[in-house]
Amino acid sequence: LPEGSEKPKAPLLVIGGLFVGSMAACAAIGMLIERLAYRPLRNSSRLAALITAIGVSLLLQNGGQMLFGADPKGFPQFVEQESVNLGPVALANTKIVIIAVAAVMMTGLHLFVQKTKPGAAMRACSFDMRTARLMGINVDRTIALTFAMGSAMAAVGGVLVAMDQPRLTPLMGLLMGLKAFVAAVLGGIGSIPGAALGGLLLGVAESVVGTWSTTYSEAVAFVILILVLLVKPSGLLGKSGREKV
């Protein structure tokens, strides 16, 4: 840009288009992955599904590097960052948008899972797919919908990260995904409010440790994961149960 010129600001219509387009594309990719990689292993062991998840993750990461290269890619920041004072705390406007959108999405997802018929089908499949199938639930369609929704929400997260950090790398989502898993374990697997609480506590812990040493701030998540698995494997809001074999 010429010196002294203003940065271009993306209109709300463009930002909305980014959200809708990325959500639709990622939902389609998620359903395709479920159909090709997971559905054939529906009756296999959980270990087979775990190995498949690792393989798909490596495929996506290395496929992205082959298509776009391994070097970081920068792009123009489509939302100009401004500092907003909230009492004694100063936050960037993009951070406030991220917090607001995340809160709305988590609330909407919780209501969808708890109050709607497709959400009840998801909960039934998570408990026992065989019994859910006997009750007339289309298990394949329900799981495909779950993959589509999860992928679409990941797309929203990607757009929000792009608003705050206009720089892309092929592996930038790896650490975020691991931290999301830690937050889910901390709050309790299967509990949406628990995942939100776990993410909040994890962020506070990283910030506190970061004021002391930025070197160890990234390791906090994994220390918390080990402690939770040792002390309370069900998580803060999770429910422990017995499985008869």
Protein backbone atom coordinates (compact mmCIF):
# COMPACT_ATOMS: atom_id res chain seq x y z
CA LEU A 1 0.00 0.00 0.00
CA PRO A 2 1.22 3.56 -0.63
CA GLU A 3 2.62 5.30 2.40
CA GLY A 4 -0.04 7.12 4.37
CA SER A 5 -2.95 5.19 2.85
CA GLU A 6 -5.46 3.43 5.07
CA LYS A 7 -5.68 -0.32 5.40
CA PRO A 8 -8.63 -1.77 3.50
CA LYS A 9 -11.46 -2.90 5.73
CA ALA A 10 -13.53 -5.91 4.74
CA PRO A 11 -17.28 -5.23 4.80
CA LEU A 12 -19.51 -7.40 6.96
CA LEU A 13 -20.86 -9.09 3.84
CA VAL A 14 -17.37 -10.34 2.93
CA ILE A 15 -16.71 -11.57 6.47
CA GLY A 16 -20.07 -13.31 6.52
CA GLY A 17 -19.24 -14.91 3.18
CA LEU A 18 -15.97 -16.20 4.63
CA PHE A 19 -17.83 -17.82 7.51
CA VAL A 20 -20.53 -19.40 5.35
CA GLY A 21 -18.17 -20.54 2.59
CA SER A 22 -15.61 -22.05 4.95
CA MET A 23 -18.31 -23.77 7.01
CA ALA A 24 -19.90 -25.33 3.92
CA ALA A 25 -16.55 -26.48 2.51
CA CYS A 26 -15.32 -27.95 5.80
CA ALA A 27 -18.66 -29.63 6.48
CA ALA A 28 -18.45 -31.35 3.09
CA ILE A 29 -14.85 -32.43 3.75
CA GLY A 30 -15.82 -33.73 7.19
CA MET A 31 -18.66 -35.82 5.78
CA LEU A 32 -16.35 -37.17 3.07
CA ILE A 33 -13.74 -38.18 5.65
CA GLU A 34 -16.42 -39.88 7.74
CA ARG A 35 -17.72 -41.79 4.71
CA LEU A 36 -14.32 -42.96 3.45
CA ALA A 37 -12.22 -43.36 6.59
CA TYR A 38 -14.53 -44.01 9.53
CA ARG A 39 -17.71 -45.67 8.30
CA PRO A 40 -15.92 -48.82 7.04
CA LEU A 41 -14.51 -49.22 10.58
CA ARG A 42 -17.82 -48.68 12.36
CA ASN A 43 -17.82 -52.16 13.90
CA SER A 44 -14.09 -52.28 14.56
CA SER A 45 -12.32 -51.60 17.84
CA ARG A 46 -11.76 -48.12 19.23
CA LEU A 47 -8.05 -48.57 18.64
CA ALA A 48 -8.71 -48.88 14.90
CA ALA A 49 -10.65 -45.60 14.94
CA LEU A 50 -7.84 -43.91 16.89
CA ILE A 51 -5.20 -45.09 14.42
CA THR A 52 -7.42 -43.91 11.55
CA ALA A 53 -7.76 -40.48 13.17
CA ILE A 54 -3.98 -40.16 13.42
CA GLY A 55 -3.59 -41.24 9.80
CA VAL A 56 -6.22 -38.79 8.53
CA SER A 57 -4.58 -35.98 10.52
CA LEU A 58 -1.18 -36.71 8.98
CA LEU A 59 -2.77 -36.96 5.52
CA LEU A 60 -4.42 -33.54 5.85
CA GLN A 61 -1.29 -31.89 7.22
CA ASN A 62 1.06 -33.26 4.58
CA GLY A 63 -1.52 -32.81 1.85
CA GLY A 64 -1.75 -29.14 2.77
CA GLN A 65 2.03 -28.82 2.57
CA MET A 66 2.07 -30.46 -0.86
CA LEU A 67 -0.65 -28.15 -2.20
CA PHE A 68 0.40 -24.85 -0.64
CA GLY A 69 4.01 -25.38 0.43
CA ALA A 70 5.57 -25.57 3.88
CA ASP A 71 6.45 -21.87 4.14
CA PRO A 72 4.19 -19.57 6.18
CA LYS A 73 1.66 -17.66 4.11
CA GLY A 74 0.65 -14.12 5.00
CA PHE A 75 -2.45 -12.30 3.83
CA PRO A 76 -3.92 -8.81 4.36
CA GLN A 77 -5.63 -8.38 7.70
CA PHE A 78 -9.29 -7.94 6.83
CA VAL A 79 -10.27 -6.55 10.25
CA GLU A 80 -8.23 -3.66 11.64
CA GLN A 81 -7.29 -4.34 15.24
CA GLU A 82 -8.15 -1.72 17.83
CA SER A 83 -7.70 -1.78 21.58
CA VAL A 84 -10.87 -1.67 23.69
CA ASN A 85 -10.68 -0.76 27.37
CA LEU A 86 -12.95 -2.80 29.64
CA GLY A 87 -12.25 -1.27 33.01
CA PRO A 88 -8.68 -2.17 34.01
CA VAL A 89 -8.39 -4.67 31.15
CA ALA A 90 -7.52 -3.77 27.56
CA LEU A 91 -8.53 -6.23 24.83
CA ALA A 92 -8.21 -6.14 21.07
CA ASN A 93 -11.53 -5.90 19.25
CA THR A 94 -10.79 -9.19 17.49
CA LYS A 95 -10.38 -10.92 20.85
CA ILE A 96 -13.79 -9.66 21.94
CA VAL A 97 -15.34 -10.97 18.72
CA ILE A 98 -13.69 -14.36 19.27
CA ILE A 99 -15.02 -14.58 22.83
CA ALA A 100 -18.53 -13.55 21.79
CA VAL A 101 -18.73 -15.93 18.82
CA ALA A 102 -17.33 -18.81 20.89
CA ALA A 103 -19.90 -18.21 23.63
CA VAL A 104 -22.77 -18.09 21.14
CA MET A 105 -21.58 -21.25 19.37
CA MET A 106 -21.10 -23.23 22.58
CA THR A 107 -24.52 -22.19 23.86
CA GLY A 108 -26.16 -23.03 20.54
CA LEU A 109 -24.44 -26.40 20.35
CA HIS A 110 -25.45 -27.26 23.92
CA LEU A 111 -29.09 -26.38 23.23
CA PHE A 112 -29.02 -28.33 19.96
CA VAL A 113 -27.65 -31.48 21.59
CA GLN A 114 -29.94 -31.29 24.62
CA LYS A 115 -33.20 -29.96 23.17
CA THR A 116 -33.55 -31.26 19.61
CA LYS A 117 -34.36 -34.65 18.12
CA PRO A 118 -31.09 -34.90 16.13
CA GLY A 119 -29.22 -33.97 19.32
CA ALA A 120 -30.99 -36.75 21.20
CA ALA A 121 -29.98 -39.14 18.42
CA MET A 122 -26.35 -38.02 18.79
CA ARG A 123 -26.45 -38.67 22.53
CA ALA A 124 -28.04 -42.08 22.00
CA CYS A 125 -25.37 -43.08 19.47
CA SER A 126 -22.62 -41.95 21.83
CA PHE A 127 -23.94 -44.26 24.54
CA ASP A 128 -24.72 -47.37 22.49
CA MET A 129 -24.90 -47.44 18.70
CA ARG A 130 -26.42 -50.91 18.55
CA THR A 131 -29.30 -50.00 20.86
CA ALA A 132 -29.78 -46.69 19.02
CA ARG A 133 -30.08 -48.59 15.74
CA LEU A 134 -32.66 -50.93 17.30
CA MET A 135 -34.67 -47.89 18.40
CA GLY A 136 -34.96 -46.75 14.79
CA ILE A 137 -32.17 -44.14 14.72
CA ASN A 138 -30.26 -43.83 11.47
CA VAL A 139 -26.79 -44.18 12.97
CA ASP A 140 -24.86 -43.48 9.77
CA ARG A 141 -26.78 -40.28 9.09
CA THR A 142 -26.44 -39.13 12.71
CA ILE A 143 -22.68 -39.67 12.75
CA ALA A 144 -22.32 -37.94 9.37
CA LEU A 145 -24.25 -34.96 10.77
CA THR A 146 -21.92 -34.93 13.78
CA PHE A 147 -18.85 -34.83 11.54
CA ALA A 148 -20.41 -32.07 9.42
CA MET A 149 -21.23 -29.92 12.46
CA GLY A 150 -17.83 -30.46 14.04
CA SER A 151 -16.03 -29.58 10.81
CA ALA A 152 -18.20 -26.49 10.29
CA MET A 153 -17.42 -25.27 13.81
CA ALA A 154 -13.72 -25.86 13.16
CA ALA A 155 -14.08 -23.65 10.07
CA VAL A 156 -15.52 -20.86 12.21
CA GLY A 157 -12.56 -21.23 14.54
CA GLY A 158 -10.20 -20.97 11.58
CA VAL A 159 -11.79 -17.73 10.37
CA LEU A 160 -11.63 -16.27 13.89
CA VAL A 161 -7.94 -17.16 14.15
CA ALA A 162 -7.35 -15.55 10.75
CA MET A 163 -8.99 -12.35 12.02
CA ASP A 164 -6.51 -12.24 14.89
CA GLN A 165 -3.41 -13.73 13.25
CA PRO A 166 -3.18 -13.10 9.48
CA ARG A 167 -0.54 -15.77 8.94
CA LEU A 168 -1.02 -19.40 7.91
CA THR A 169 1.21 -22.42 8.41
CA PRO A 170 0.39 -26.05 7.57
CA LEU A 171 0.76 -27.19 11.18
CA MET A 172 -0.75 -24.21 12.99
CA GLY A 173 -3.86 -26.19 13.94
CA LEU A 174 -1.96 -29.10 15.50
CA LEU A 175 -1.23 -27.46 18.86
CA MET A 176 -4.69 -25.87 18.93
CA GLY A 177 -6.29 -29.27 18.43
CA LEU A 178 -4.22 -30.82 21.20
CA LYS A 179 -5.18 -28.01 23.57
CA ALA A 180 -8.84 -28.42 22.62
CA PHE A 181 -8.56 -32.10 23.52
CA VAL A 182 -6.98 -31.20 26.87
CA ALA A 183 -9.80 -28.73 27.54
CA ALA A 184 -12.39 -31.42 26.75
CA VAL A 185 -10.69 -33.92 29.07
CA LEU A 186 -10.34 -31.30 31.81
CA GLY A 187 -14.01 -30.35 31.63
CA GLY A 188 -15.26 -33.89 31.04
CA ILE A 189 -15.57 -35.76 27.75
CA GLY A 190 -19.13 -35.46 26.47
CA SER A 191 -19.95 -32.30 28.44
CA ILE A 192 -20.18 -29.15 26.31
CA PRO A 193 -20.26 -26.77 29.32
CA GLY A 194 -17.35 -28.78 30.71
CA ALA A 195 -15.34 -28.24 27.54
CA ALA A 196 -16.01 -24.49 27.75
CA LEU A 197 -14.97 -24.44 31.41
CA GLY A 198 -11.88 -26.51 30.64
CA GLY A 199 -10.85 -24.14 27.86
CA LEU A 200 -11.29 -21.13 30.15
CA LEU A 201 -9.24 -22.68 32.95
CA LEU A 202 -6.56 -23.79 30.50
CA GLY A 203 -6.29 -20.27 29.08
CA VAL A 204 -6.01 -18.75 32.56
CA ALA A 205 -3.32 -21.27 33.52
CA GLU A 206 -1.29 -20.54 30.39
CA SER A 207 -1.57 -16.79 30.95
CA VAL A 208 -0.44 -17.07 34.57
CA VAL A 209 2.53 -19.26 33.67
CA GLY A 210 3.32 -17.00 30.70
CA THR A 211 3.84 -14.03 33.01
CA TRP A 212 6.51 -16.07 34.79
CA SER A 213 8.09 -17.89 31.85
CA THR A 214 6.92 -17.96 28.24
CA THR A 215 9.11 -21.02 27.67
CA TYR A 216 6.85 -23.26 29.73
CA SER A 217 3.47 -21.74 28.90
CA GLU A 218 2.86 -24.18 26.03
CA ALA A 219 3.65 -27.17 28.27
CA VAL A 220 0.99 -26.27 30.83
CA ALA A 221 -1.76 -27.97 28.82
CA PHE A 222 -0.03 -31.33 28.87
CA VAL A 223 0.87 -31.09 32.55
CA ILE A 224 -2.82 -30.43 33.27
CA LEU A 225 -3.79 -33.39 31.07
CA ILE A 226 -1.55 -35.76 33.05
CA LEU A 227 -2.82 -34.45 36.40
CA VAL A 228 -6.47 -34.76 35.37
CA LEU A 229 -6.00 -38.33 34.12
CA LEU A 230 -4.31 -39.24 37.40
CA VAL A 231 -6.66 -37.47 39.82
CA LYS A 232 -10.08 -37.27 38.10
CA PRO A 233 -10.22 -39.04 34.73
CA SER A 234 -13.89 -38.15 34.25
CA GLY A 235 -13.08 -34.42 34.29
CA LEU A 236 -14.60 -31.57 36.27
CA LEU A 237 -18.16 -31.91 34.96
CA GLY A 238 -17.96 -35.41 33.52
CA LYS A 239 -19.82 -38.37 34.98
CA SER A 240 -17.97 -41.56 35.78
CA GLY A 241 -19.68 -44.83 34.99
CA ARG A 242 -19.10 -48.55 35.09
CA GLU A 243 -18.91 -50.68 31.99
CA LYS A 244 -19.88 -54.32 32.31
CA VAL A 245 -18.09 -56.83 30.11
